[in-house]
Amino acid sequence: MADSDRGTLPLPDYDHLPIGSLESRVRSLSAEEVEELLAYERTHADRLPVTEVLTARVRQLKAGAEPTSGDPGALRPEQGRGSGGSPVSPATSPLPFGPPPHGTPDQRGRPKSDRT
């Protein structure tokens, strides 16, 4: 499979999925789809833990396991749509202030002679 075909894989953004997420997401794929991912993995990164997960799932499916329901392309935490910026805006940020030079305004200092 050519790199240009990466977008046609059964799992969107497959190359960037953590193994824990991959393990749960391949459960909704057919044996042919998992074999397609396995072939892609072997010709590209060939990560042993990933090939073990995919091989085990192919064996399960060929032994009679059924794919689970669910959308393998559904939004996952690893595909977050973060804007990359802070959610704080000028309207929600506090007013700037300078700290008092000594102590706090609510706790006035006592003269040294009153200390015990």
Protein backbone atom coordinates (compact mmCIF):
# COMPACT_ATOMS: atom_id res chain seq x y z
CA MET A 1 0.00 0.00 0.00
CA ALA A 2 1.46 3.37 -0.98
CA ASP A 3 1.75 6.25 1.46
CA SER A 4 -0.87 8.09 -0.57
CA ASP A 5 -3.31 5.28 0.34
CA ARG A 6 -2.84 5.95 4.06
CA GLY A 7 -6.08 7.93 4.09
CA THR A 8 -8.04 4.90 2.88
CA LEU A 9 -7.14 2.72 5.87
CA PRO A 10 -10.10 1.41 7.91
CA LEU A 11 -9.05 3.53 10.93
CA PRO A 12 -8.57 7.27 10.45
CA ASP A 13 -5.18 8.56 11.57
CA TYR A 14 -4.01 4.98 12.17
CA ASP A 15 -0.32 5.90 12.34
CA HIS A 16 -0.88 8.10 15.38
CA LEU A 17 -3.13 5.87 17.49
CA PRO A 18 -1.76 4.71 20.85
CA ILE A 19 -1.77 0.93 21.20
CA GLY A 20 -4.43 0.98 23.93
CA SER A 21 -6.81 2.84 21.65
CA LEU A 22 -5.95 0.63 18.70
CA GLU A 23 -6.79 -2.50 20.68
CA SER A 24 -10.33 -1.32 21.38
CA ARG A 25 -10.95 0.26 17.97
CA VAL A 26 -10.06 -2.80 15.87
CA ARG A 27 -12.91 -4.67 17.57
CA SER A 28 -15.39 -2.98 15.22
CA LEU A 29 -13.50 -3.99 12.06
CA SER A 30 -13.98 -7.06 9.88
CA ALA A 31 -11.22 -9.65 9.39
CA GLU A 32 -10.41 -8.17 5.97
CA GLU A 33 -10.05 -4.67 7.43
CA VAL A 34 -7.80 -5.88 10.24
CA GLU A 35 -5.68 -7.80 7.71
CA GLU A 36 -5.39 -4.61 5.66
CA LEU A 37 -4.08 -2.77 8.74
CA LEU A 38 -1.71 -5.64 9.49
CA ALA A 39 -0.28 -5.56 5.96
CA TYR A 40 0.15 -1.78 6.21
CA GLU A 41 1.83 -2.09 9.61
CA ARG A 42 4.27 -4.75 8.40
CA THR A 43 5.34 -2.67 5.40
CA HIS A 44 5.73 0.55 7.37
CA ALA A 45 6.54 0.76 11.08
CA ASP A 46 6.36 -3.00 11.82
CA ARG A 47 5.86 -2.41 15.56
CA LEU A 48 5.81 -5.77 17.34
CA PRO A 49 3.11 -4.87 19.93
CA VAL A 50 0.85 -3.57 17.15
CA THR A 51 1.32 -6.60 14.91
CA GLU A 52 0.59 -8.85 17.91
CA VAL A 53 -2.68 -7.03 18.63
CA LEU A 54 -3.76 -7.15 14.98
CA THR A 55 -2.75 -10.80 14.53
CA ALA A 56 -4.65 -11.80 17.68
CA ARG A 57 -7.75 -9.97 16.44
CA VAL A 58 -7.59 -11.67 13.03
CA ARG A 59 -7.39 -15.06 14.80
CA GLN A 60 -10.41 -14.16 16.97
CA LEU A 61 -12.46 -13.12 13.94
CA LYS A 62 -11.54 -16.25 11.98
CA ALA A 63 -12.49 -18.36 15.01
CA GLY A 64 -16.00 -16.92 14.93
CA ALA A 65 -15.82 -13.63 16.84
CA GLU A 66 -18.10 -10.92 15.51
CA PRO A 67 -17.10 -7.28 15.06
CA THR A 68 -18.66 -5.06 17.70
CA SER A 69 -20.93 -2.18 16.86
CA GLY A 70 -19.51 1.29 16.83
CA ASP A 71 -17.83 3.69 14.48
CA PRO A 72 -14.06 3.13 14.22
CA GLY A 73 -13.73 6.70 12.97
CA ALA A 74 -15.54 8.29 15.89
CA LEU A 75 -13.77 11.10 17.66
CA ARG A 76 -11.36 9.82 20.27
CA PRO A 77 -9.30 11.74 22.82
CA GLU A 78 -6.17 11.19 20.74
CA GLN A 79 -7.86 13.07 17.90
CA GLY A 80 -8.83 16.09 20.01
CA ARG A 81 -9.82 19.20 18.18
CA GLY A 82 -7.97 21.56 20.49
CA SER A 83 -7.39 25.01 19.09
CA GLY A 84 -3.91 25.03 20.56
CA GLY A 85 -4.61 28.22 22.46
CA SER A 86 -5.76 29.15 25.90
CA PRO A 87 -9.51 29.21 26.61
CA VAL A 88 -8.92 32.41 28.58
CA SER A 89 -10.00 35.56 26.82
CA PRO A 90 -9.81 39.21 27.83
CA ALA A 91 -13.44 38.97 28.93
CA THR A 92 -12.76 36.05 31.28
CA SER A 93 -9.34 36.97 32.63
CA PRO A 94 -8.99 38.79 35.97
CA LEU A 95 -7.98 42.41 36.20
CA PRO A 96 -4.24 42.87 36.53
CA PHE A 97 -2.96 43.95 39.92
CA GLY A 98 0.35 44.40 41.62
CA PRO A 99 1.05 42.63 44.89
CA PRO A 100 1.38 44.88 47.95
CA PRO A 101 4.97 45.71 48.84
CA HIS A 102 4.77 44.24 52.38
CA GLY A 103 2.24 41.71 53.64
CA THR A 104 -1.32 41.85 52.45
CA PRO A 105 -3.83 44.68 52.72
CA ASP A 106 -5.96 42.66 55.15
CA GLN A 107 -3.08 41.89 57.50
CA ARG A 108 -1.28 45.02 58.49
CA GLY A 109 2.21 44.62 59.86
CA ARG A 110 2.82 45.14 63.56
CA PRO A 111 5.69 47.19 64.89
CA LYS A 112 8.71 45.15 65.95
CA SER A 113 8.26 46.14 69.58
CA ASP A 114 4.86 44.33 69.69
CA ARG A 115 6.27 40.97 68.59
CA THR A 116 6.49 38.28 71.15
